[in-house]
Amino acid sequence: MLYNIIKKKDESFQFKSKSDLVNLSSAIENLYLEHDDLNSKYYKQEPLVRDQCLTLLLKGQSTTVYPPKELFDSLELDLSGPYAFVIVTAFSQEQLRVIDMKKVETTASQLMKNTKVYGVELINDKVIAYIVNGLVDSKAKKNMFLTQFQTLIPFDNFSCIGVSKTYSGTNSMNHSFIEAFASFEYGKANQVKGIVHFDEIKKQQETMWLPNTDLLKLTQSCKQGNKEIADETIQSLVYWLQHSAPPPLLKYMKYDLVNTLIKITSETGISLDIQKIYFQMNNENWYHFQTSLFELTGEICDKISEKKETQKDQLQVDIIEYIHNNFKDQNFSLDNIAKDFNLSISYLSRFIKEKTSKTFSQYVWELRLKEVKKQLVETSVPIKEIIIEIGYIDPPSFTRKFKSSVGLTPSEYRYTYQKNS
């Protein structure tokens, strides 16, 4: 390509000297090297990019990824199947320590022909969501898949799985996620073990009251900060109140709807001035009542989203700080960190790689190496004691690794740098 550009007779620029050509050639070579470096960094971060893409899809924000199809293809995320639904569940600390997310995905994708399963750990919500996409076009196929899927996960006696309705394609993935999460929360609240289908919850409620499934969707969409689905659900509930609610119960049902929103603010720890909504209770103007609810849910969604982002940032700070405070412990391990923060080892490993550009072992080694080098120069503590103090139980092994990294043995390093200080 460069050769063809240079050979053009009608080119718009001329090289004034041979050095110009050399400089251009060098610049292009550096560009390719930088490109390779970026590719290398991308592949190292790929699992986290993949998790982020799946999370955006579940939240209904995948259109912010441009171009989504090309990115999904590069991450080997095949969501081209005609039908999709979402599964939401949660694991105990012990389960998180033993589950292999990748293995579950791979095996689950083999349970049914032309069906793909992708899992993502949602740390703010303390759940794992699985997207199932493929030829699951009947209730019988779906139930058969779910029965087999259960056997792949190390459930305890109190585990439950929330399952959404099945939708065509993946355009309604955010609705599917809200339904699955609502089903999961419903199962937990009612101590239901096993599978909880969203479309079967409605059958269990009183027929003369607000639709339970809509109230569950409203609760979960607000908790996820999803104003779009919250507004859709408000519209559905207000329409039901207008056309299906028994007149003697209407006032109480409106209070129940507002109290659902108040309960959300209480459970999520956010504060709002909700007094203004009560002024609309006796207002027969449905438009004003609905508009007030829109404003309230919008404020709830904004505050919850902001709080989740703050919590996520704080968790990241806490994990890195925890590593810096505990790397000298001989029993320090990725497993222990995962247990203390109630995260899966796979997620924690990817997180550390994203934040430090190093694996957990590499990062801990560098912290220990830095501390040893500091003590070798600033103290006269015996080298063996320093090595043991920073959490390394095998001094000879550490010495070999130290020399490989620094080019000197610990004693040579001390002699050289104390002499020059």
Protein backbone atom coordinates (compact mmCIF):
# COMPACT_ATOMS: atom_id res chain seq x y z
CA MET A 1 0.00 0.00 0.00
CA LEU A 2 2.78 2.46 0.95
CA TYR A 3 4.65 1.50 -2.24
CA ASN A 4 1.63 2.29 -4.40
CA ILE A 5 1.17 5.69 -2.75
CA ILE A 6 4.78 6.63 -3.31
CA LYS A 7 4.79 5.46 -6.95
CA LYS A 8 1.78 7.61 -7.90
CA LYS A 9 2.90 10.26 -10.39
CA ASP A 10 0.11 12.67 -9.48
CA GLU A 11 0.70 12.46 -5.74
CA SER A 12 -0.09 15.63 -3.83
CA PHE A 13 3.11 15.63 -1.80
CA GLN A 14 6.82 15.11 -2.50
CA PHE A 15 9.56 13.80 -0.23
CA LYS A 16 12.23 16.48 0.12
CA SER A 17 14.86 14.02 1.27
CA LYS A 18 15.46 10.36 1.87
CA SER A 19 15.10 11.01 5.60
CA ASP A 20 11.48 12.08 5.07
CA LEU A 21 10.70 8.71 3.57
CA VAL A 22 12.53 6.94 6.37
CA ASN A 23 10.59 8.95 8.95
CA LEU A 24 7.28 8.13 7.28
CA SER A 25 8.19 4.46 7.09
CA SER A 26 9.17 4.51 10.76
CA ALA A 27 5.90 6.24 11.69
CA ILE A 28 3.87 3.60 9.86
CA GLU A 29 5.86 0.82 11.50
CA ASN A 30 5.19 2.37 14.90
CA LEU A 31 1.52 2.64 14.03
CA TYR A 32 1.39 -1.09 13.35
CA LEU A 33 3.27 -1.80 16.57
CA GLU A 34 0.84 0.38 18.51
CA HIS A 35 -2.01 -1.40 16.74
CA ASP A 36 -0.61 -4.76 17.82
CA ASP A 37 -0.18 -3.40 21.35
CA LEU A 38 -3.79 -2.22 21.38
CA ASN A 39 -4.90 -5.61 20.09
CA SER A 40 -2.91 -7.29 22.83
CA LYS A 41 -4.48 -5.05 25.46
CA TYR A 42 -7.92 -5.65 23.97
CA TYR A 43 -7.57 -9.43 24.15
CA LYS A 44 -6.37 -9.18 27.75
CA GLN A 45 -9.43 -7.10 28.62
CA GLU A 46 -11.80 -9.11 26.41
CA PRO A 47 -13.62 -10.94 29.26
CA LEU A 48 -14.44 -7.63 30.93
CA VAL A 49 -15.48 -6.04 27.63
CA ARG A 50 -17.69 -9.07 27.08
CA ASP A 51 -19.28 -8.73 30.53
CA GLN A 52 -19.89 -5.04 29.93
CA CYS A 53 -21.57 -5.72 26.57
CA LEU A 54 -23.84 -8.36 28.09
CA THR A 55 -24.70 -6.02 30.96
CA LEU A 56 -25.59 -3.23 28.53
CA LEU A 57 -27.78 -5.65 26.61
CA LEU A 58 -29.61 -6.68 29.78
CA LYS A 59 -30.06 -3.05 30.79
CA GLY A 60 -31.41 -2.11 27.35
CA GLN A 61 -28.40 0.08 26.60
CA SER A 62 -26.65 -1.99 23.94
CA THR A 63 -27.29 0.70 21.32
CA THR A 64 -24.67 2.82 23.08
CA VAL A 65 -22.08 0.29 21.89
CA TYR A 66 -21.19 1.16 18.31
CA PRO A 67 -21.30 -0.85 16.19
CA PRO A 68 -22.92 -3.49 18.47
CA LYS A 69 -23.03 -6.35 15.96
CA GLU A 70 -19.35 -6.04 15.01
CA LEU A 71 -18.31 -5.82 18.64
CA PHE A 72 -20.44 -8.80 19.64
CA ASP A 73 -18.97 -10.80 16.75
CA SER A 74 -15.43 -9.94 17.84
CA LEU A 75 -16.28 -11.19 21.35
CA GLU A 76 -17.78 -14.39 19.91
CA LEU A 77 -21.22 -13.53 21.26
CA ASP A 78 -23.71 -15.18 18.92
CA LEU A 79 -27.18 -13.82 19.66
CA SER A 80 -28.68 -14.49 16.25
CA GLY A 81 -31.19 -17.08 17.48
CA PRO A 82 -34.91 -16.42 16.91
CA TYR A 83 -35.96 -16.61 20.59
CA ALA A 84 -34.47 -15.53 23.90
CA PHE A 85 -35.15 -15.47 27.63
CA VAL A 86 -33.18 -14.63 30.75
CA ILE A 87 -32.42 -16.59 33.91
CA VAL A 88 -31.45 -14.83 37.18
CA THR A 89 -30.11 -16.55 40.27
CA ALA A 90 -27.70 -15.96 43.14
CA PHE A 91 -25.07 -18.07 44.81
CA SER A 92 -23.73 -18.36 48.33
CA GLN A 93 -20.06 -17.66 49.04
CA GLU A 94 -19.29 -21.35 48.93
CA GLN A 95 -21.05 -21.78 45.59
CA LEU A 96 -19.20 -18.79 44.12
CA ARG A 97 -15.92 -20.41 45.10
CA VAL A 98 -16.60 -23.63 43.21
CA ILE A 99 -18.64 -22.59 40.18
CA ASP A 100 -16.88 -22.37 36.82
CA MET A 101 -18.91 -19.81 34.86
CA LYS A 102 -17.26 -20.63 31.54
CA LYS A 103 -17.88 -24.33 31.96
CA VAL A 104 -21.55 -23.72 32.81
CA GLU A 105 -21.92 -21.62 29.66
CA THR A 106 -20.20 -24.14 27.42
CA THR A 107 -22.11 -27.12 28.77
CA ALA A 108 -25.46 -25.28 28.82
CA SER A 109 -24.98 -24.29 25.18
CA GLN A 110 -24.80 -27.98 24.34
CA LEU A 111 -28.09 -28.89 26.05
CA MET A 112 -30.19 -27.93 23.05
CA LYS A 113 -29.33 -27.72 19.39
CA ASN A 114 -28.62 -24.21 18.04
CA THR A 115 -28.94 -22.63 21.49
CA LYS A 116 -26.33 -20.37 23.11
CA VAL A 117 -26.05 -19.46 26.80
CA TYR A 118 -24.05 -16.52 28.15
CA GLY A 119 -23.62 -15.63 31.82
CA VAL A 120 -22.63 -12.38 33.49
CA GLU A 121 -22.07 -11.61 37.16
CA LEU A 122 -23.83 -8.41 38.24
CA ILE A 123 -21.89 -7.42 41.34
CA ASN A 124 -24.10 -4.50 42.37
CA ASP A 125 -27.15 -6.75 42.43
CA LYS A 126 -25.29 -9.80 43.80
CA VAL A 127 -26.82 -12.05 41.14
CA ILE A 128 -25.79 -13.91 38.01
CA ALA A 129 -27.83 -13.52 34.85
CA TYR A 130 -27.84 -16.02 32.00
CA ILE A 131 -29.05 -15.11 28.51
CA VAL A 132 -30.49 -18.08 26.61
CA ASN A 133 -30.81 -17.54 22.86
CA GLY A 134 -31.83 -20.03 20.21
CA LEU A 135 -34.60 -22.37 19.10
CA VAL A 136 -36.44 -22.47 22.43
CA ASP A 137 -39.79 -21.83 20.76
CA SER A 138 -42.14 -23.82 22.98
CA LYS A 139 -42.90 -24.20 26.67
CA ALA A 140 -41.96 -27.88 26.52
CA LYS A 141 -38.51 -27.12 25.08
CA LYS A 142 -37.97 -24.34 27.59
CA ASN A 143 -38.87 -26.55 30.56
CA MET A 144 -36.69 -29.36 29.26
CA PHE A 145 -33.76 -26.96 28.93
CA LEU A 146 -34.31 -25.52 32.44
CA THR A 147 -34.51 -28.97 34.02
CA GLN A 148 -31.15 -29.87 32.51
CA PHE A 149 -29.67 -26.46 33.25
CA GLN A 150 -30.39 -26.87 36.97
CA THR A 151 -28.10 -29.90 37.10
CA LEU A 152 -25.13 -27.78 35.94
CA ILE A 153 -25.25 -25.36 38.85
CA PRO A 154 -24.19 -26.18 42.44
CA PHE A 155 -27.50 -25.25 44.05
CA ASP A 156 -28.11 -25.56 47.75
CA ASN A 157 -31.47 -26.33 49.34
CA PHE A 158 -32.60 -22.70 49.29
CA SER A 159 -31.69 -21.70 45.75
CA CYS A 160 -34.22 -20.41 43.29
CA ILE A 161 -34.08 -19.37 39.66
CA GLY A 162 -36.11 -16.53 38.18
CA VAL A 163 -37.08 -17.09 34.55
CA SER A 164 -38.54 -14.51 32.18
CA LYS A 165 -41.06 -14.97 29.41
CA THR A 166 -39.69 -15.94 26.01
CA TYR A 167 -39.32 -13.15 23.47
CA SER A 168 -38.56 -13.07 19.75
CA GLY A 169 -34.95 -12.04 19.11
CA THR A 170 -33.02 -9.95 21.61
CA ASN A 171 -34.70 -6.55 21.24
CA SER A 172 -36.69 -7.08 24.45
CA MET A 173 -33.75 -8.32 26.49
CA ASN A 174 -34.16 -5.53 29.06
CA HIS A 175 -37.79 -6.55 29.63
CA SER A 176 -36.69 -10.16 29.89
CA PHE A 177 -34.04 -9.29 32.47
CA ILE A 178 -36.49 -7.28 34.60
CA GLU A 179 -38.98 -10.18 34.51
CA ALA A 180 -36.35 -12.76 35.46
CA PHE A 181 -35.06 -10.59 38.30
CA ALA A 182 -38.61 -9.90 39.51
CA SER A 183 -39.31 -13.66 39.47
CA PHE A 184 -36.13 -14.32 41.43
CA GLU A 185 -37.04 -11.69 44.06
CA TYR A 186 -40.57 -13.10 44.25
CA GLY A 187 -39.16 -16.59 44.80
CA LYS A 188 -36.82 -15.38 47.55
CA ALA A 189 -39.56 -13.43 49.32
CA ASN A 190 -41.91 -16.42 49.25
CA GLN A 191 -39.20 -19.03 50.00
CA VAL A 192 -39.80 -20.79 46.70
CA LYS A 193 -37.17 -23.38 45.80
CA GLY A 194 -36.26 -24.16 42.23
CA ILE A 195 -37.66 -22.43 39.13
CA VAL A 196 -40.00 -19.42 39.28
CA HIS A 197 -41.55 -18.49 35.92
CA PHE A 198 -42.63 -14.87 35.55
CA ASP A 199 -45.69 -15.74 33.46
CA GLU A 200 -46.92 -18.16 36.15
CA ILE A 201 -46.81 -15.65 39.04
CA LYS A 202 -49.99 -13.96 37.84
CA LYS A 203 -51.95 -17.17 38.29
CA GLN A 204 -51.17 -17.16 42.00
CA GLN A 205 -52.59 -13.71 42.85
CA GLU A 206 -55.99 -12.39 43.78
CA THR A 207 -57.89 -11.53 40.61
CA MET A 208 -59.52 -8.35 41.98
CA TRP A 209 -56.32 -6.51 42.89
CA LEU A 210 -53.54 -4.75 41.01
CA PRO A 211 -51.69 -7.19 38.70
CA ASN A 212 -48.90 -8.66 40.79
CA THR A 213 -46.62 -9.14 37.79
CA ASP A 214 -46.85 -5.44 36.96
CA LEU A 215 -46.05 -4.45 40.53
CA LEU A 216 -43.05 -6.79 40.48
CA LYS A 217 -41.86 -5.31 37.17
CA LEU A 218 -42.30 -1.79 38.52
CA THR A 219 -40.27 -2.62 41.62
CA GLN A 220 -37.46 -4.29 39.72
CA SER A 221 -37.28 -1.73 36.89
CA CYS A 222 -36.92 1.06 39.47
CA LYS A 223 -34.28 -0.90 41.38
CA GLN A 224 -32.37 -1.35 38.12
CA GLY A 225 -32.70 2.35 37.30
CA ASN A 226 -34.59 1.48 34.11
CA LYS A 227 -36.95 4.42 33.61
CA GLU A 228 -38.18 3.17 30.22
CA ILE A 229 -39.66 -0.04 31.62
CA ALA A 230 -40.80 1.71 34.82
CA ASP A 231 -42.82 4.18 32.73
CA GLU A 232 -44.25 1.40 30.56
CA THR A 233 -45.35 -0.44 33.69
CA ILE A 234 -46.87 2.69 35.23
CA GLN A 235 -48.90 3.17 32.05
CA SER A 236 -50.06 -0.43 32.20
CA LEU A 237 -51.08 -0.14 35.87
CA VAL A 238 -52.89 3.18 35.41
CA TYR A 239 -54.76 1.76 32.43
CA TRP A 240 -55.78 -1.25 34.55
CA LEU A 241 -56.98 1.07 37.33
CA GLN A 242 -59.05 3.03 34.84
CA HIS A 243 -60.68 0.07 33.15
CA SER A 244 -60.57 -2.93 35.48
CA ALA A 245 -60.42 -1.78 39.10
CA PRO A 246 -63.65 -2.17 41.13
CA PRO A 247 -64.78 1.44 41.99
CA PRO A 248 -65.08 0.80 45.77
CA LEU A 249 -61.44 -0.37 45.84
CA LEU A 250 -59.97 2.23 43.49
CA LYS A 251 -58.73 4.60 46.17
CA TYR A 252 -56.99 1.79 48.08
CA MET A 253 -55.39 0.45 44.93
CA LYS A 254 -53.96 3.90 44.10
CA TYR A 255 -52.49 4.02 47.59
CA ASP A 256 -51.05 0.54 47.09
CA LEU A 257 -49.37 1.65 43.86
CA VAL A 258 -47.80 4.68 45.51
CA ASN A 259 -46.81 2.63 48.56
CA THR A 260 -44.98 0.24 46.23
CA LEU A 261 -42.78 3.15 45.15
CA ILE A 262 -42.31 4.27 48.77
CA LYS A 263 -41.22 0.74 49.68
CA ILE A 264 -38.63 0.84 46.87
CA THR A 265 -37.10 4.02 48.30
CA SER A 266 -36.98 2.44 51.75
CA GLU A 267 -35.36 -0.81 50.54
CA THR A 268 -32.75 0.99 48.44
CA GLY A 269 -31.94 3.64 51.04
CA ILE A 270 -32.78 6.69 48.96
CA SER A 271 -34.78 9.68 50.19
CA LEU A 272 -37.49 11.50 48.23
CA ASP A 273 -40.18 14.05 48.88
CA ILE A 274 -43.23 11.98 48.02
CA GLN A 275 -45.84 14.17 49.69
CA LYS A 276 -46.85 15.78 46.42
CA ILE A 277 -48.04 12.46 45.03
CA TYR A 278 -50.65 12.15 47.77
CA PHE A 279 -52.32 15.31 46.56
CA GLN A 280 -53.15 13.41 43.36
CA MET A 281 -54.85 10.52 45.13
CA ASN A 282 -58.33 11.96 45.03
CA ASN A 283 -57.79 13.71 41.71
CA GLU A 284 -59.99 12.17 39.05
CA ASN A 285 -57.68 13.46 36.34
CA TRP A 286 -55.81 10.32 35.39
CA TYR A 287 -53.30 12.22 33.26
CA HIS A 288 -52.09 14.25 36.26
CA PHE A 289 -51.91 11.14 38.43
CA GLN A 290 -49.90 9.26 35.82
CA THR A 291 -47.60 12.25 35.21
CA SER A 292 -46.89 12.49 38.94
CA LEU A 293 -46.00 8.80 39.00
CA PHE A 294 -43.68 9.28 35.99
CA GLU A 295 -41.88 12.08 37.82
CA LEU A 296 -41.54 9.99 40.96
CA THR A 297 -40.22 6.89 39.17
CA GLY A 298 -37.85 9.06 37.14
CA GLU A 299 -36.38 10.51 40.31
CA ILE A 300 -36.13 7.06 41.89
CA CYS A 301 -34.38 5.59 38.83
CA ASP A 302 -31.89 8.47 38.64
CA LYS A 303 -30.97 8.26 42.32
CA ILE A 304 -30.65 4.47 42.30
CA SER A 305 -28.44 4.54 39.18
CA GLU A 306 -26.23 7.17 40.79
CA LYS A 307 -26.01 5.17 44.00
CA LYS A 308 -25.11 1.96 42.16
CA GLU A 309 -22.32 3.69 40.28
CA THR A 310 -20.95 5.08 43.54
CA GLN A 311 -21.12 1.63 45.16
CA LYS A 312 -19.33 0.06 42.20
CA ASP A 313 -16.55 2.67 42.34
CA GLN A 314 -16.20 2.17 46.08
CA LEU A 315 -16.04 -1.61 45.71
CA GLN A 316 -13.20 -1.25 43.23
CA VAL A 317 -11.33 1.06 45.60
CA ASP A 318 -11.95 -1.33 48.51
CA ILE A 319 -10.62 -4.37 46.60
CA ILE A 320 -7.37 -2.65 45.58
CA GLU A 321 -6.93 -1.25 49.09
CA TYR A 322 -7.55 -4.72 50.54
CA ILE A 323 -4.79 -6.17 48.35
CA HIS A 324 -2.33 -3.47 49.42
CA ASN A 325 -3.16 -4.04 53.10
CA ASN A 326 -2.92 -7.83 53.02
CA PHE A 327 -0.34 -8.88 50.40
CA LYS A 328 2.20 -9.71 53.12
CA ASP A 329 -0.02 -12.42 54.56
CA GLN A 330 1.34 -15.90 53.73
CA ASN A 331 -2.24 -17.17 53.28
CA PHE A 332 -3.18 -14.29 50.99
CA SER A 333 -4.99 -15.63 47.93
CA LEU A 334 -7.50 -14.77 45.25
CA ASP A 335 -9.87 -17.27 46.84
CA ASN A 336 -9.82 -15.43 50.17
CA ILE A 337 -10.48 -12.05 48.56
CA ALA A 338 -13.39 -13.49 46.60
CA LYS A 339 -14.81 -14.93 49.80
CA ASP A 340 -14.45 -11.67 51.76
CA PHE A 341 -16.13 -9.62 49.00
CA ASN A 342 -18.69 -12.30 48.06
CA LEU A 343 -17.53 -12.40 44.43
CA SER A 344 -16.71 -15.27 42.13
CA ILE A 345 -13.01 -15.95 41.57
CA SER A 346 -13.45 -15.57 37.81
CA TYR A 347 -14.99 -12.09 38.13
CA LEU A 348 -12.42 -10.95 40.68
CA SER A 349 -9.57 -12.19 38.51
CA ARG A 350 -10.91 -10.26 35.51
CA PHE A 351 -11.45 -7.14 37.63
CA ILE A 352 -7.85 -7.12 38.90
CA LYS A 353 -6.58 -7.61 35.35
CA GLU A 354 -8.66 -4.65 34.16
CA LYS A 355 -7.56 -2.31 36.93
CA THR A 356 -3.86 -3.23 37.07
CA SER A 357 -3.16 -4.72 33.60
CA LYS A 358 -1.66 -7.65 35.49
CA THR A 359 -2.84 -10.99 36.78
CA PHE A 360 -3.42 -11.32 40.51
CA SER A 361 -0.16 -13.27 40.94
CA GLN A 362 1.83 -10.72 38.95
CA TYR A 363 0.37 -7.81 40.88
CA VAL A 364 1.04 -9.38 44.29
CA TRP A 365 4.56 -10.32 43.20
CA GLU A 366 5.29 -6.70 42.22
CA LEU A 367 3.97 -5.41 45.54
CA ARG A 368 6.13 -7.89 47.43
CA LEU A 369 9.16 -7.16 45.25
CA LYS A 370 8.80 -3.42 45.81
CA GLU A 371 8.56 -3.92 49.58
CA VAL A 372 11.62 -6.20 49.67
CA LYS A 373 13.68 -3.73 47.63
CA LYS A 374 12.66 -0.94 49.99
CA GLN A 375 13.63 -2.89 53.10
CA LEU A 376 16.92 -4.06 51.58
CA VAL A 377 17.98 -0.45 51.07
CA GLU A 378 16.44 1.20 54.15
CA THR A 379 16.99 -1.47 56.83
CA SER A 380 19.57 -3.98 58.01
CA VAL A 381 17.00 -6.72 58.69
CA PRO A 382 18.32 -10.14 57.58
CA ILE A 383 17.24 -10.98 54.05
CA LYS A 384 15.53 -14.23 55.03
CA GLU A 385 13.41 -12.38 57.61
CA ILE A 386 12.41 -9.75 55.04
CA ILE A 387 11.34 -12.44 52.57
CA ILE A 388 9.25 -14.27 55.16
CA GLU A 389 7.81 -11.01 56.45
CA ILE A 390 6.38 -10.10 53.03
CA GLY A 391 4.54 -13.42 52.80
CA TYR A 392 6.95 -15.59 50.82
CA ILE A 393 7.44 -18.93 52.57
CA ASP A 394 10.30 -20.19 50.36
CA PRO A 395 13.34 -17.82 50.54
CA PRO A 396 15.50 -19.75 48.01
CA SER A 397 12.67 -19.68 45.47
CA PHE A 398 12.13 -15.96 46.10
CA THR A 399 15.85 -15.29 45.66
CA ARG A 400 15.86 -16.99 42.23
CA LYS A 401 12.77 -15.06 41.18
CA PHE A 402 14.23 -11.81 42.52
CA LYS A 403 17.40 -12.26 40.47
CA SER A 404 15.39 -13.11 37.39
CA SER A 405 13.39 -9.89 37.77
CA VAL A 406 16.11 -7.49 38.97
CA GLY A 407 19.31 -9.03 37.62
CA LEU A 408 20.85 -9.18 41.09
CA THR A 409 20.44 -11.38 44.13
CA PRO A 410 18.87 -9.68 47.18
CA SER A 411 22.28 -9.45 48.89
CA GLU A 412 23.88 -7.97 45.74
CA TYR A 413 21.01 -5.48 45.46
CA ARG A 414 21.45 -4.42 49.11
CA TYR A 415 25.20 -4.03 48.74
CA THR A 416 24.89 -2.01 45.52
CA TYR A 417 22.17 0.38 46.57
CA GLN A 418 23.14 0.85 50.24
CA LYS A 419 26.66 1.63 49.08
CA ASN A 420 25.42 4.29 46.67
CA SER A 421 22.92 5.84 49.07
